[in-house]
Structure formats: structure tokens, C-alpha cells
Amino acid sequence: MAFSLPDLPYAHDALASKGMSKETLEYHHDLHHKAYVDNGNKL
């Protein structure tokens, strides 16, 4: 069973009013989380 990175149910800039910038969310979801998923699939 392969893991997959789910799409976010909201836009990357949806949390800007809560203090998380679009760039921060893109970095964490599109890079960090993707790396965890990719490495989990290598196990």
C-alpha cells in the first residue's frame, strides 16, 4: 500500500489571517509533508 500526499481542503493562503503565510504553508505541505510521504513509501 502506497502513501499519497493529500490535497489540502483549502487554499494555501487560507490561513494568512491566522498568521501562517502562503509561503510557510506551501513549504510545510509541499516540501516537508511530501518528503515524509515519499520516505514512508521507500520502507
PDB file of N, CA and C in Angstrom:
ATOM      1  N   MET A   1       0.843  -1.177   0.000  1.00  0.00           N
ATOM      2  CA  MET A   1       0.000   0.000   0.000  1.00  0.00           C
ATOM      3  C   MET A   1       0.890   1.243   0.000  1.00  0.00           C
ATOM      4  N   ALA A   2       0.716   2.071  -0.980  1.00  0.00           N
ATOM      5  CA  ALA A   2       1.499   3.299  -1.074  1.00  0.00           C
ATOM      6  C   ALA A   2       0.767   4.452  -0.397  1.00  0.00           C
ATOM      7  N   PHE A   3       1.550   5.292   0.227  1.00  0.00           N
ATOM      8  CA  PHE A   3       1.006   6.508   0.822  1.00  0.00           C
ATOM      9  C   PHE A   3       0.967   7.588  -0.247  1.00  0.00           C
ATOM     10  N   SER A   4       0.041   8.510  -0.115  1.00  0.00           N
ATOM     11  CA  SER A   4      -0.019   9.626  -1.056  1.00  0.00           C
ATOM     12  C   SER A   4      -0.238  10.921  -0.290  1.00  0.00           C
ATOM     13  N   LEU A   5       0.250  11.982  -0.865  1.00  0.00           N
ATOM     14  CA  LEU A   5       0.096  13.297  -0.258  1.00  0.00           C
ATOM     15  C   LEU A   5      -1.287  13.832  -0.612  1.00  0.00           C
ATOM     16  N   PRO A   6      -2.143  14.020   0.375  1.00  0.00           N
ATOM     17  CA  PRO A   6      -3.488  14.524   0.064  1.00  0.00           C
ATOM     18  C   PRO A   6      -3.445  16.009  -0.283  1.00  0.00           C
ATOM     19  N   ASP A   7      -4.350  16.411  -1.127  1.00  0.00           N
ATOM     20  CA  ASP A   7      -4.511  17.836  -1.402  1.00  0.00           C
ATOM     21  C   ASP A   7      -5.089  18.494  -0.161  1.00  0.00           C
ATOM     22  N   LEU A   8      -4.713  19.731   0.054  1.00  0.00           N
ATOM     23  CA  LEU A   8      -5.300  20.467   1.166  1.00  0.00           C
ATOM     24  C   LEU A   8      -6.747  20.814   0.828  1.00  0.00           C
ATOM     25  N   PRO A   9      -7.625  20.785   1.810  1.00  0.00           N
ATOM     26  CA  PRO A   9      -9.036  21.115   1.549  1.00  0.00           C
ATOM     27  C   PRO A   9      -9.288  22.625   1.511  1.00  0.00           C
ATOM     28  N   TYR A  10      -8.226  23.402   1.441  1.00  0.00           N
ATOM     29  CA  TYR A  10      -8.336  24.857   1.394  1.00  0.00           C
ATOM     30  C   TYR A  10      -7.136  25.410   0.628  1.00  0.00           C
ATOM     31  N   ALA A  11      -7.210  26.654   0.260  1.00  0.00           N
ATOM     32  CA  ALA A  11      -6.126  27.298  -0.484  1.00  0.00           C
ATOM     33  C   ALA A  11      -4.905  27.498   0.413  1.00  0.00           C
ATOM     34  N   HIS A  12      -3.736  27.585  -0.211  1.00  0.00           N
ATOM     35  CA  HIS A  12      -2.510  27.790   0.555  1.00  0.00           C
ATOM     36  C   HIS A  12      -2.523  29.102   1.345  1.00  0.00           C
ATOM     37  N   ASP A  13      -3.268  30.061   0.901  1.00  0.00           N
ATOM     38  CA  ASP A  13      -3.303  31.348   1.603  1.00  0.00           C
ATOM     39  C   ASP A  13      -4.492  31.479   2.565  1.00  0.00           C
ATOM     40  N   ALA A  14      -5.212  30.406   2.791  1.00  0.00           N
ATOM     41  CA  ALA A  14      -6.408  30.453   3.640  1.00  0.00           C
ATOM     42  C   ALA A  14      -6.101  30.725   5.110  1.00  0.00           C
ATOM     43  N   LEU A  15      -4.889  30.450   5.545  1.00  0.00           N
ATOM     44  CA  LEU A  15      -4.548  30.646   6.955  1.00  0.00           C
ATOM     45  C   LEU A  15      -3.777  31.940   7.207  1.00  0.00           C
ATOM     46  N   ALA A  16      -3.656  32.765   6.180  1.00  0.00           N
ATOM     47  CA  ALA A  16      -2.905  34.015   6.322  1.00  0.00           C
ATOM     48  C   ALA A  16      -3.479  34.892   7.431  1.00  0.00           C
ATOM     49  N   SER A  17      -4.789  34.916   7.562  1.00  0.00           N
ATOM     50  CA  SER A  17      -5.403  35.744   8.607  1.00  0.00           C
ATOM     51  C   SER A  17      -5.138  35.186  10.003  1.00  0.00           C
ATOM     52  N   LYS A  18      -4.701  33.932  10.078  1.00  0.00           N
ATOM     53  CA  LYS A  18      -4.384  33.303  11.366  1.00  0.00           C
ATOM     54  C   LYS A  18      -2.889  33.357  11.666  1.00  0.00           C
ATOM     55  N   GLY A  19      -2.109  33.959  10.744  1.00  0.00           N
ATOM     56  CA  GLY A  19      -0.685  34.129  10.993  1.00  0.00           C
ATOM     57  C   GLY A  19       0.229  33.198  10.222  1.00  0.00           C
ATOM     58  N   MET A  20      -0.306  32.312   9.396  1.00  0.00           N
ATOM     59  CA  MET A  20       0.542  31.415   8.611  1.00  0.00           C
ATOM     60  C   MET A  20       0.505  31.869   7.156  1.00  0.00           C
ATOM     61  N   SER A  21       1.648  32.282   6.660  1.00  0.00           N
ATOM     62  CA  SER A  21       1.702  32.799   5.296  1.00  0.00           C
ATOM     63  C   SER A  21       1.540  31.684   4.270  1.00  0.00           C
ATOM     64  N   LYS A  22       1.200  32.090   3.072  1.00  0.00           N
ATOM     65  CA  LYS A  22       1.075  31.148   1.954  1.00  0.00           C
ATOM     66  C   LYS A  22       2.393  30.407   1.749  1.00  0.00           C
ATOM     67  N   GLU A  23       3.507  31.120   1.821  1.00  0.00           N
ATOM     68  CA  GLU A  23       4.819  30.518   1.613  1.00  0.00           C
ATOM     69  C   GLU A  23       5.128  29.463   2.680  1.00  0.00           C
ATOM     70  N   THR A  24       4.776  29.756   3.930  1.00  0.00           N
ATOM     71  CA  THR A  24       5.013  28.801   5.015  1.00  0.00           C
ATOM     72  C   THR A  24       4.197  27.535   4.812  1.00  0.00           C
ATOM     73  N   LEU A  25       2.946  27.690   4.468  1.00  0.00           N
ATOM     74  CA  LEU A  25       2.092  26.525   4.266  1.00  0.00           C
ATOM     75  C   LEU A  25       2.558  25.708   3.067  1.00  0.00           C
ATOM     76  N   GLU A  26       2.945  26.376   1.987  1.00  0.00           N
ATOM     77  CA  GLU A  26       3.473  25.662   0.821  1.00  0.00           C
ATOM     78  C   GLU A  26       4.731  24.895   1.198  1.00  0.00           C
ATOM     79  N   TYR A  27       5.608  25.522   1.963  1.00  0.00           N
ATOM     80  CA  TYR A  27       6.859  24.880   2.368  1.00  0.00           C
ATOM     81  C   TYR A  27       6.583  23.633   3.207  1.00  0.00           C
ATOM     82  N   HIS A  28       5.718  23.758   4.177  1.00  0.00           N
ATOM     83  CA  HIS A  28       5.445  22.626   5.063  1.00  0.00           C
ATOM     84  C   HIS A  28       4.662  21.515   4.373  1.00  0.00           C
ATOM     85  N   HIS A  29       3.652  21.856   3.618  1.00  0.00           N
ATOM     86  CA  HIS A  29       2.847  20.828   2.962  1.00  0.00           C
ATOM     87  C   HIS A  29       3.555  20.257   1.742  1.00  0.00           C
ATOM     88  N   ASP A  30       3.988  21.138   0.838  1.00  0.00           N
ATOM     89  CA  ASP A  30       4.511  20.697  -0.453  1.00  0.00           C
ATOM     90  C   ASP A  30       5.935  20.159  -0.382  1.00  0.00           C
ATOM     91  N   LEU A  31       6.685  20.512   0.648  1.00  0.00           N
ATOM     92  CA  LEU A  31       8.058  20.013   0.762  1.00  0.00           C
ATOM     93  C   LEU A  31       8.225  19.041   1.931  1.00  0.00           C
ATOM     94  N   HIS A  32       7.975  19.510   3.159  1.00  0.00           N
ATOM     95  CA  HIS A  32       8.168  18.644   4.325  1.00  0.00           C
ATOM     96  C   HIS A  32       7.248  17.429   4.293  1.00  0.00           C
ATOM     97  N   HIS A  33       5.966  17.671   4.207  1.00  0.00           N
ATOM     98  CA  HIS A  33       4.999  16.567   4.247  1.00  0.00           C
ATOM     99  C   HIS A  33       5.220  15.619   3.070  1.00  0.00           C
ATOM    100  N   LYS A  34       5.517  16.166   1.892  1.00  0.00           N
ATOM    101  CA  LYS A  34       5.780  15.335   0.722  1.00  0.00           C
ATOM    102  C   LYS A  34       7.000  14.454   0.958  1.00  0.00           C
ATOM    103  N   ALA A  35       8.026  14.975   1.589  1.00  0.00           N
ATOM    104  CA  ALA A  35       9.223  14.184   1.886  1.00  0.00           C
ATOM    105  C   ALA A  35       8.888  13.038   2.838  1.00  0.00           C
ATOM    106  N   TYR A  36       8.048  13.287   3.833  1.00  0.00           N
ATOM    107  CA  TYR A  36       7.640  12.221   4.753  1.00  0.00           C
ATOM    108  C   TYR A  36       6.891  11.126   4.005  1.00  0.00           C
ATOM    109  N   VAL A  37       6.005  11.509   3.125  1.00  0.00           N
ATOM    110  CA  VAL A  37       5.233  10.541   2.342  1.00  0.00           C
ATOM    111  C   VAL A  37       6.163   9.743   1.433  1.00  0.00           C
ATOM    112  N   ASP A  38       7.048  10.435   0.733  1.00  0.00           N
ATOM    113  CA  ASP A  38       7.983   9.749  -0.168  1.00  0.00           C
ATOM    114  C   ASP A  38       8.871   8.771   0.589  1.00  0.00           C
ATOM    115  N   ASN A  39       9.377   9.180   1.742  1.00  0.00           N
ATOM    116  CA  ASN A  39      10.235   8.293   2.532  1.00  0.00           C
ATOM    117  C   ASN A  39       9.448   7.138   3.130  1.00  0.00           C
ATOM    118  N   GLY A  40       8.223   7.366   3.507  1.00  0.00           N
ATOM    119  CA  GLY A  40       7.381   6.274   4.002  1.00  0.00           C
ATOM    120  C   GLY A  40       7.145   5.230   2.928  1.00  0.00           C
ATOM    121  N   ASN A  41       7.042   5.662   1.695  1.00  0.00           N
ATOM    122  CA  ASN A  41       6.841   4.729   0.588  1.00  0.00           C
ATOM    123  C   ASN A  41       8.101   3.932   0.263  1.00  0.00           C
ATOM    124  N   LYS A  42       9.253   4.392   0.736  1.00  0.00           N
ATOM    125  CA  LYS A  42      10.506   3.669   0.494  1.00  0.00           C
ATOM    126  C   LYS A  42      10.712   2.529   1.490  1.00  0.00           C
ATOM    127  N   LEU A  43       9.973   2.529   2.573  1.00  0.00           N
ATOM    128  CA  LEU A  43      10.142   1.495   3.607  1.00  0.00           C
ATOM    129  C   LEU A  43       9.666   0.146   3.125  1.00  0.00           C
TER     130      LEU A  43
END
